[in-house]
PDB file of N, CA and C in Angstrom:
ATOM      1  N   MET A   1     -19.922  49.722   5.472  1.00  0.00           N
ATOM      2  CA  MET A   1     -19.241  48.506   6.146  1.00  0.00           C
ATOM      3  C   MET A   1     -18.212  49.099   7.368  1.00  0.00           C
ATOM      4  N   ASP A   2     -18.299  48.497   8.514  1.00  0.00           N
ATOM      5  CA  ASP A   2     -17.468  49.016   9.504  1.00  0.00           C
ATOM      6  C   ASP A   2     -16.240  47.984   9.791  1.00  0.00           C
ATOM      7  N   VAL A   3     -15.264  48.383   9.661  1.00  0.00           N
ATOM      8  CA  VAL A   3     -13.968  47.332  10.162  1.00  0.00           C
ATOM      9  C   VAL A   3     -13.214  47.705  11.029  1.00  0.00           C
ATOM     10  N   GLY A   4     -12.952  46.716  12.184  1.00  0.00           N
ATOM     11  CA  GLY A   4     -11.972  47.340  13.085  1.00  0.00           C
ATOM     12  C   GLY A   4     -10.385  47.607  12.679  1.00  0.00           C
ATOM     13  N   ALA A   5      -9.492  48.301  13.383  1.00  0.00           N
ATOM     14  CA  ALA A   5      -8.264  48.638  12.637  1.00  0.00           C
ATOM     15  C   ALA A   5      -7.468  47.339  12.699  1.00  0.00           C
ATOM     16  N   TYR A   6      -7.581  46.643  13.326  1.00  0.00           N
ATOM     17  CA  TYR A   6      -6.676  45.343  13.203  1.00  0.00           C
ATOM     18  C   TYR A   6      -7.089  44.546  12.161  1.00  0.00           C
ATOM     19  N   GLU A   7      -8.331  44.101  11.724  1.00  0.00           N
ATOM     20  CA  GLU A   7      -8.693  43.967  10.444  1.00  0.00           C
ATOM     21  C   GLU A   7      -8.477  44.557   9.381  1.00  0.00           C
ATOM     22  N   ALA A   8      -8.545  45.828   9.380  1.00  0.00           N
ATOM     23  CA  ALA A   8      -8.070  46.472   8.248  1.00  0.00           C
ATOM     24  C   ALA A   8      -6.711  46.192   7.843  1.00  0.00           C
ATOM     25  N   LYS A   9      -6.051  46.365   8.994  1.00  0.00           N
ATOM     26  CA  LYS A   9      -4.539  46.079   8.630  1.00  0.00           C
ATOM     27  C   LYS A   9      -4.163  44.746   8.016  1.00  0.00           C
ATOM     28  N   THR A  10      -4.899  43.730   8.588  1.00  0.00           N
ATOM     29  CA  THR A  10      -4.609  42.560   8.318  1.00  0.00           C
ATOM     30  C   THR A  10      -5.141  42.297   7.103  1.00  0.00           C
ATOM     31  N   HIS A  11      -6.262  42.844   6.300  1.00  0.00           N
ATOM     32  CA  HIS A  11      -6.859  42.623   5.165  1.00  0.00           C
ATOM     33  C   HIS A  11      -6.737  43.574   4.279  1.00  0.00           C
ATOM     34  N   LEU A  12      -5.812  44.979   4.529  1.00  0.00           N
ATOM     35  CA  LEU A  12      -5.860  45.837   3.529  1.00  0.00           C
ATOM     36  C   LEU A  12      -6.054  45.576   2.096  1.00  0.00           C
ATOM     37  N   PRO A  13      -5.165  44.916   1.241  1.00  0.00           N
ATOM     38  CA  PRO A  13      -5.492  44.458   0.045  1.00  0.00           C
ATOM     39  C   PRO A  13      -6.959  44.002  -0.586  1.00  0.00           C
ATOM     40  N   ARG A  14      -7.586  43.141   0.526  1.00  0.00           N
ATOM     41  CA  ARG A  14      -9.006  43.051   0.090  1.00  0.00           C
ATOM     42  C   ARG A  14      -9.871  43.988   0.121  1.00  0.00           C
ATOM     43  N   LEU A  15      -9.612  44.976   1.404  1.00  0.00           N
ATOM     44  CA  LEU A  15     -10.437  46.103   1.489  1.00  0.00           C
ATOM     45  C   LEU A  15     -10.329  47.277   0.276  1.00  0.00           C
ATOM     46  N   LEU A  16      -8.900  47.333  -0.010  1.00  0.00           N
ATOM     47  CA  LEU A  16      -8.927  48.153  -1.272  1.00  0.00           C
ATOM     48  C   LEU A  16      -9.651  47.744  -2.431  1.00  0.00           C
ATOM     49  N   ALA A  17      -9.539  46.546  -2.550  1.00  0.00           N
ATOM     50  CA  ALA A  17     -10.151  46.155  -3.877  1.00  0.00           C
ATOM     51  C   ALA A  17     -11.752  46.376  -3.876  1.00  0.00           C
ATOM     52  N   ARG A  18     -12.222  46.012  -2.421  1.00  0.00           N
ATOM     53  CA  ARG A  18     -13.784  46.682  -2.345  1.00  0.00           C
ATOM     54  C   ARG A  18     -13.974  47.945  -2.823  1.00  0.00           C
ATOM     55  N   VAL A  19     -13.151  48.986  -2.089  1.00  0.00           N
ATOM     56  CA  VAL A  19     -13.220  50.331  -2.396  1.00  0.00           C
ATOM     57  C   VAL A  19     -13.095  50.885  -3.663  1.00  0.00           C
ATOM     58  N   ALA A  20     -12.094  49.871  -4.547  1.00  0.00           N
ATOM     59  CA  ALA A  20     -12.032  50.249  -6.019  1.00  0.00           C
ATOM     60  C   ALA A  20     -13.310  49.957  -6.892  1.00  0.00           C
ATOM     61  N   ARG A  21     -14.080  48.862  -6.239  1.00  0.00           N
ATOM     62  CA  ARG A  21     -15.537  48.686  -6.722  1.00  0.00           C
ATOM     63  C   ARG A  21     -16.527  49.625  -6.567  1.00  0.00           C
ATOM     64  N   GLY A  22     -15.939  50.572  -5.595  1.00  0.00           N
ATOM     65  CA  GLY A  22     -17.073  51.529  -5.283  1.00  0.00           C
ATOM     66  C   GLY A  22     -17.733  51.750  -3.947  1.00  0.00           C
ATOM     67  N   GLU A  23     -17.212  50.771  -3.080  1.00  0.00           N
ATOM     68  CA  GLU A  23     -17.564  50.683  -1.708  1.00  0.00           C
ATOM     69  C   GLU A  23     -16.998  51.554  -0.936  1.00  0.00           C
ATOM     70  N   ARG A  24     -17.740  51.861   0.308  1.00  0.00           N
ATOM     71  CA  ARG A  24     -16.991  52.823   0.929  1.00  0.00           C
ATOM     72  C   ARG A  24     -16.867  52.174   2.448  1.00  0.00           C
ATOM     73  N   ILE A  25     -15.662  52.107   3.235  1.00  0.00           N
ATOM     74  CA  ILE A  25     -15.438  51.380   4.439  1.00  0.00           C
ATOM     75  C   ILE A  25     -15.023  52.201   5.410  1.00  0.00           C
ATOM     76  N   THR A  26     -15.739  52.035   6.852  1.00  0.00           N
ATOM     77  CA  THR A  26     -15.257  52.996   7.932  1.00  0.00           C
ATOM     78  C   THR A  26     -14.145  52.007   8.696  1.00  0.00           C
ATOM     79  N   ILE A  27     -13.411  52.501   9.059  1.00  0.00           N
ATOM     80  CA  ILE A  27     -12.353  51.989   9.908  1.00  0.00           C
ATOM     81  C   ILE A  27     -12.515  52.454  11.584  1.00  0.00           C
ATOM     82  N   THR A  28     -12.789  51.614  12.486  1.00  0.00           N
ATOM     83  CA  THR A  28     -13.106  51.681  13.685  1.00  0.00           C
ATOM     84  C   THR A  28     -11.959  51.472  14.687  1.00  0.00           C
ATOM     85  N   LYS A  29     -11.782  52.099  15.863  1.00  0.00           N
ATOM     86  CA  LYS A  29     -10.846  51.695  16.619  1.00  0.00           C
ATOM     87  C   LYS A  29     -11.624  51.583  18.166  1.00  0.00           C
ATOM     88  N   HIS A  30     -11.933  50.260  18.767  1.00  0.00           N
ATOM     89  CA  HIS A  30     -12.641  50.220  19.720  1.00  0.00           C
ATOM     90  C   HIS A  30     -14.131  50.617  19.742  1.00  0.00           C
ATOM     91  N   GLY A  31     -14.454  50.332  18.434  1.00  0.00           N
ATOM     92  CA  GLY A  31     -15.759  50.867  18.108  1.00  0.00           C
ATOM     93  C   GLY A  31     -16.003  52.286  17.694  1.00  0.00           C
ATOM     94  N   VAL A  32     -15.159  52.949  17.523  1.00  0.00           N
ATOM     95  CA  VAL A  32     -15.208  54.441  17.406  1.00  0.00           C
ATOM     96  C   VAL A  32     -14.776  54.353  16.257  1.00  0.00           C
ATOM     97  N   PRO A  33     -15.605  55.101  15.035  1.00  0.00           N
ATOM     98  CA  PRO A  33     -15.014  55.284  13.517  1.00  0.00           C
ATOM     99  C   PRO A  33     -13.802  56.352  13.571  1.00  0.00           C
ATOM    100  N   VAL A  34     -12.665  56.063  13.231  1.00  0.00           N
ATOM    101  CA  VAL A  34     -11.675  57.036  13.175  1.00  0.00           C
ATOM    102  C   VAL A  34     -11.103  57.199  11.459  1.00  0.00           C
ATOM    103  N   ALA A  35     -11.565  56.381  10.685  1.00  0.00           N
ATOM    104  CA  ALA A  35     -11.113  56.772   8.985  1.00  0.00           C
ATOM    105  C   ALA A  35     -12.213  56.155   8.272  1.00  0.00           C
ATOM    106  N   VAL A  36     -12.318  56.604   6.970  1.00  0.00           N
ATOM    107  CA  VAL A  36     -13.035  56.142   5.942  1.00  0.00           C
ATOM    108  C   VAL A  36     -12.258  55.834   4.840  1.00  0.00           C
ATOM    109  N   LEU A  37     -12.480  54.657   4.383  1.00  0.00           N
ATOM    110  CA  LEU A  37     -11.737  54.325   2.854  1.00  0.00           C
ATOM    111  C   LEU A  37     -12.824  54.686   1.889  1.00  0.00           C
ATOM    112  N   ALA A  38     -12.666  55.521   0.845  1.00  0.00           N
ATOM    113  CA  ALA A  38     -13.472  55.586   0.002  1.00  0.00           C
ATOM    114  C   ALA A  38     -12.842  55.885  -1.572  1.00  0.00           C
ATOM    115  N   PRO A  39     -13.700  55.492  -2.357  1.00  0.00           N
ATOM    116  CA  PRO A  39     -13.321  55.721  -3.791  1.00  0.00           C
ATOM    117  C   PRO A  39     -12.782  57.127  -3.994  1.00  0.00           C
ATOM    118  N   VAL A  40     -11.954  57.375  -5.054  1.00  0.00           N
ATOM    119  CA  VAL A  40     -11.469  58.683  -5.287  1.00  0.00           C
ATOM    120  C   VAL A  40     -12.188  59.049  -6.461  1.00  0.00           C
ATOM    121  N   ALA A  41     -12.557  60.533  -6.385  1.00  0.00           N
ATOM    122  CA  ALA A  41     -13.495  61.100  -7.372  1.00  0.00           C
ATOM    123  C   ALA A  41     -12.817  61.083  -8.728  1.00  0.00           C
ATOM    124  N   PRO A  42     -13.487  60.836  -9.867  1.00  0.00           N
ATOM    125  CA  PRO A  42     -12.804  61.050 -11.005  1.00  0.00           C
ATOM    126  C   PRO A  42     -12.379  62.359 -11.268  1.00  0.00           C
ATOM    127  N   GLU A  43     -11.274  62.670 -11.829  1.00  0.00           N
ATOM    128  CA  GLU A  43     -10.755  63.928 -12.153  1.00  0.00           C
ATOM    129  C   GLU A  43     -11.943  64.643 -13.280  1.00  0.00           C
ATOM    130  N   LYS A  44     -12.143  65.919 -12.773  1.00  0.00           N
ATOM    131  CA  LYS A  44     -13.065  66.698 -13.620  1.00  0.00           C
ATOM    132  C   LYS A  44     -12.030  67.610 -14.556  1.00  0.00           C
ATOM    133  N   ARG A  45     -12.235  67.310 -15.732  1.00  0.00           N
ATOM    134  CA  ARG A  45     -11.204  68.246 -16.852  1.00  0.00           C
ATOM    135  C   ARG A  45     -12.149  69.517 -17.322  1.00  0.00           C
ATOM    136  N   SER A  46     -11.160  70.360 -17.308  1.00  0.00           N
ATOM    137  CA  SER A  46     -11.905  71.791 -17.607  1.00  0.00           C
ATOM    138  C   SER A  46     -12.368  71.866 -19.020  1.00  0.00           C
ATOM    139  N   VAL A  47     -13.233  72.562 -19.554  1.00  0.00           N
ATOM    140  CA  VAL A  47     -13.571  72.592 -21.045  1.00  0.00           C
ATOM    141  C   VAL A  47     -12.315  73.099 -21.635  1.00  0.00           C
ATOM    142  N   GLY A  48     -11.565  73.955 -21.086  1.00  0.00           N
ATOM    143  CA  GLY A  48     -10.397  74.460 -21.738  1.00  0.00           C
ATOM    144  C   GLY A  48      -9.623  73.428 -21.974  1.00  0.00           C
ATOM    145  N   ARG A  49      -8.799  72.454 -21.054  1.00  0.00           N
ATOM    146  CA  ARG A  49      -8.359  71.422 -21.060  1.00  0.00           C
ATOM    147  C   ARG A  49      -8.762  70.406 -22.343  1.00  0.00           C
ATOM    148  N   THR A  50     -10.033  70.187 -22.037  1.00  0.00           N
ATOM    149  CA  THR A  50     -10.445  69.194 -22.971  1.00  0.00           C
ATOM    150  C   THR A  50     -10.414  69.619 -24.581  1.00  0.00           C
ATOM    151  N   ALA A  51     -10.555  71.076 -24.609  1.00  0.00           N
ATOM    152  CA  ALA A  51     -10.394  71.586 -26.269  1.00  0.00           C
ATOM    153  C   ALA A  51      -8.846  71.405 -26.438  1.00  0.00           C
ATOM    154  N   GLU A  52      -8.087  71.873 -25.470  1.00  0.00           N
ATOM    155  CA  GLU A  52      -6.464  71.895 -26.028  1.00  0.00           C
ATOM    156  C   GLU A  52      -6.223  70.439 -26.302  1.00  0.00           C
ATOM    157  N   ALA A  53      -6.564  69.449 -25.489  1.00  0.00           N
ATOM    158  CA  ALA A  53      -6.454  67.991 -26.083  1.00  0.00           C
ATOM    159  C   ALA A  53      -6.856  67.383 -27.254  1.00  0.00           C
ATOM    160  N   LEU A  54      -8.527  68.148 -27.600  1.00  0.00           N
ATOM    161  CA  LEU A  54      -9.019  67.874 -28.945  1.00  0.00           C
ATOM    162  C   LEU A  54      -7.987  68.573 -30.154  1.00  0.00           C
ATOM    163  N   LYS A  55      -7.550  69.646 -29.900  1.00  0.00           N
ATOM    164  CA  LYS A  55      -6.639  70.503 -30.855  1.00  0.00           C
ATOM    165  C   LYS A  55      -5.213  69.804 -30.985  1.00  0.00           C
ATOM    166  N   ALA A  56      -4.677  69.267 -29.929  1.00  0.00           N
ATOM    167  CA  ALA A  56      -3.720  68.270 -30.397  1.00  0.00           C
ATOM    168  C   ALA A  56      -3.823  67.064 -30.809  1.00  0.00           C
ATOM    169  N   TRP A  57      -4.815  66.420 -30.679  1.00  0.00           N
ATOM    170  CA  TRP A  57      -5.225  65.232 -31.388  1.00  0.00           C
ATOM    171  C   TRP A  57      -5.518  65.692 -32.917  1.00  0.00           C
ATOM    172  N   ARG A  58      -6.077  66.571 -32.920  1.00  0.00           N
ATOM    173  CA  ARG A  58      -6.398  66.658 -34.801  1.00  0.00           C
ATOM    174  C   ARG A  58      -5.195  66.986 -35.111  1.00  0.00           C
ATOM    175  N   ARG A  59      -4.159  67.797 -34.723  1.00  0.00           N
ATOM    176  CA  ARG A  59      -2.833  68.183 -35.333  1.00  0.00           C
ATOM    177  C   ARG A  59      -2.386  66.873 -35.651  1.00  0.00           C
ATOM    178  N   GLY A  60      -2.299  65.743 -34.883  1.00  0.00           N
ATOM    179  CA  GLY A  60      -1.911  64.563 -35.555  1.00  0.00           C
ATOM    180  C   GLY A  60      -2.244  63.565 -36.441  1.00  0.00           C
ATOM    181  N   HIS A  61      -3.641  64.274 -36.856  1.00  0.00           N
ATOM    182  CA  HIS A  61      -4.426  63.336 -37.805  1.00  0.00           C
ATOM    183  C   HIS A  61      -5.112  64.053 -38.898  1.00  0.00           C
ATOM    184  N   VAL A  62      -4.254  63.946 -39.770  1.00  0.00           N
ATOM    185  CA  VAL A  62      -4.812  64.859 -41.159  1.00  0.00           C
ATOM    186  C   VAL A  62      -5.590  63.627 -42.078  1.00  0.00           C
ATOM    187  N   LEU A  63      -6.409  64.462 -42.920  1.00  0.00           N
ATOM    188  CA  LEU A  63      -7.275  63.945 -43.767  1.00  0.00           C
ATOM    189  C   LEU A  63      -6.736  63.801 -45.243  1.00  0.00           C
ATOM    190  N   GLY A  64      -5.456  64.563 -45.135  1.00  0.00           N
ATOM    191  CA  GLY A  64      -4.956  64.488 -46.688  1.00  0.00           C
ATOM    192  C   GLY A  64      -5.784  65.621 -47.472  1.00  0.00           C
ATOM    193  N   ASP A  65      -6.010  64.588 -48.745  1.00  0.00           N
ATOM    194  CA  ASP A  65      -6.845  65.752 -49.886  1.00  0.00           C
ATOM    195  C   ASP A  65      -8.151  65.684 -49.749  1.00  0.00           C
ATOM    196  N   LEU A  66      -8.729  64.715 -48.739  1.00  0.00           N
ATOM    197  CA  LEU A  66     -10.161  64.767 -48.368  1.00  0.00           C
ATOM    198  C   LEU A  66     -10.646  65.839 -47.857  1.00  0.00           C
ATOM    199  N   ALA A  67     -11.995  66.138 -48.131  1.00  0.00           N
ATOM    200  CA  ALA A  67     -12.469  67.120 -47.371  1.00  0.00           C
ATOM    201  C   ALA A  67     -13.533  66.983 -46.438  1.00  0.00           C
ATOM    202  N   LEU A  68     -13.733  67.291 -45.063  1.00  0.00           N
ATOM    203  CA  LEU A  68     -14.629  66.773 -44.269  1.00  0.00           C
ATOM    204  C   LEU A  68     -16.091  66.923 -44.647  1.00  0.00           C
ATOM    205  N   ARG A  69     -16.455  67.868 -45.464  1.00  0.00           N
ATOM    206  CA  ARG A  69     -17.932  68.010 -46.157  1.00  0.00           C
ATOM    207  C   ARG A  69     -18.139  66.290 -46.944  1.00  0.00           C
ATOM    208  N   ASP A  70     -17.112  66.083 -47.774  1.00  0.00           N
ATOM    209  CA  ASP A  70     -17.204  64.739 -48.822  1.00  0.00           C
ATOM    210  C   ASP A  70     -17.466  63.805 -47.692  1.00  0.00           C
ATOM    211  N   LEU A  71     -16.544  63.569 -46.576  1.00  0.00           N
ATOM    212  CA  LEU A  71     -16.655  62.347 -45.592  1.00  0.00           C
ATOM    213  C   LEU A  71     -18.033  62.558 -44.995  1.00  0.00           C
ATOM    214  N   ILE A  72     -18.775  63.561 -44.809  1.00  0.00           N
ATOM    215  CA  ILE A  72     -19.908  63.593 -44.005  1.00  0.00           C
ATOM    216  C   ILE A  72     -21.245  63.282 -45.045  1.00  0.00           C
ATOM    217  N   ALA A  73     -21.009  63.768 -46.262  1.00  0.00           N
ATOM    218  CA  ALA A  73     -21.640  63.230 -47.235  1.00  0.00           C
ATOM    219  C   ALA A  73     -21.718  61.687 -47.525  1.00  0.00           C
ATOM    220  N   GLU A  74     -20.644  61.101 -47.813  1.00  0.00           N
ATOM    221  CA  GLU A  74     -20.281  59.775 -47.754  1.00  0.00           C
ATOM    222  C   GLU A  74     -21.007  58.798 -46.559  1.00  0.00           C
ATOM    223  N   GLY A  75     -20.892  59.576 -45.153  1.00  0.00           N
ATOM    224  CA  GLY A  75     -21.485  58.841 -44.448  1.00  0.00           C
ATOM    225  C   GLY A  75     -22.970  58.839 -44.518  1.00  0.00           C
ATOM    226  N   ARG A  76     -23.778  59.745 -45.206  1.00  0.00           N
ATOM    227  CA  ARG A  76     -24.929  59.938 -44.991  1.00  0.00           C
ATOM    228  C   ARG A  76     -25.654  58.933 -46.388  1.00  0.00           C
ATOM    229  N   ARG A  77     -24.788  58.508 -47.068  1.00  0.00           N
ATOM    230  CA  ARG A  77     -25.271  57.450 -48.426  1.00  0.00           C
ATOM    231  C   ARG A  77     -25.834  56.329 -47.547  1.00  0.00           C
TER     232      ARG A  77
END
């Protein structure tokens, strides 16, 4: 979608809502493209950061006297 600079200024909240839904909008000045409004790519998490987050989560969740093996066996019944 192409939008003139004046229209973009006037309707920026509406355009941002469209971009948030995944649309890409080109802003033109006198018919010449000068900028693009585009969704931000989701942050890619490294394997190391994901593993650290999982370890931190596990530290806060204790099974008590239950064994993981027993829980797995119970889930299979």
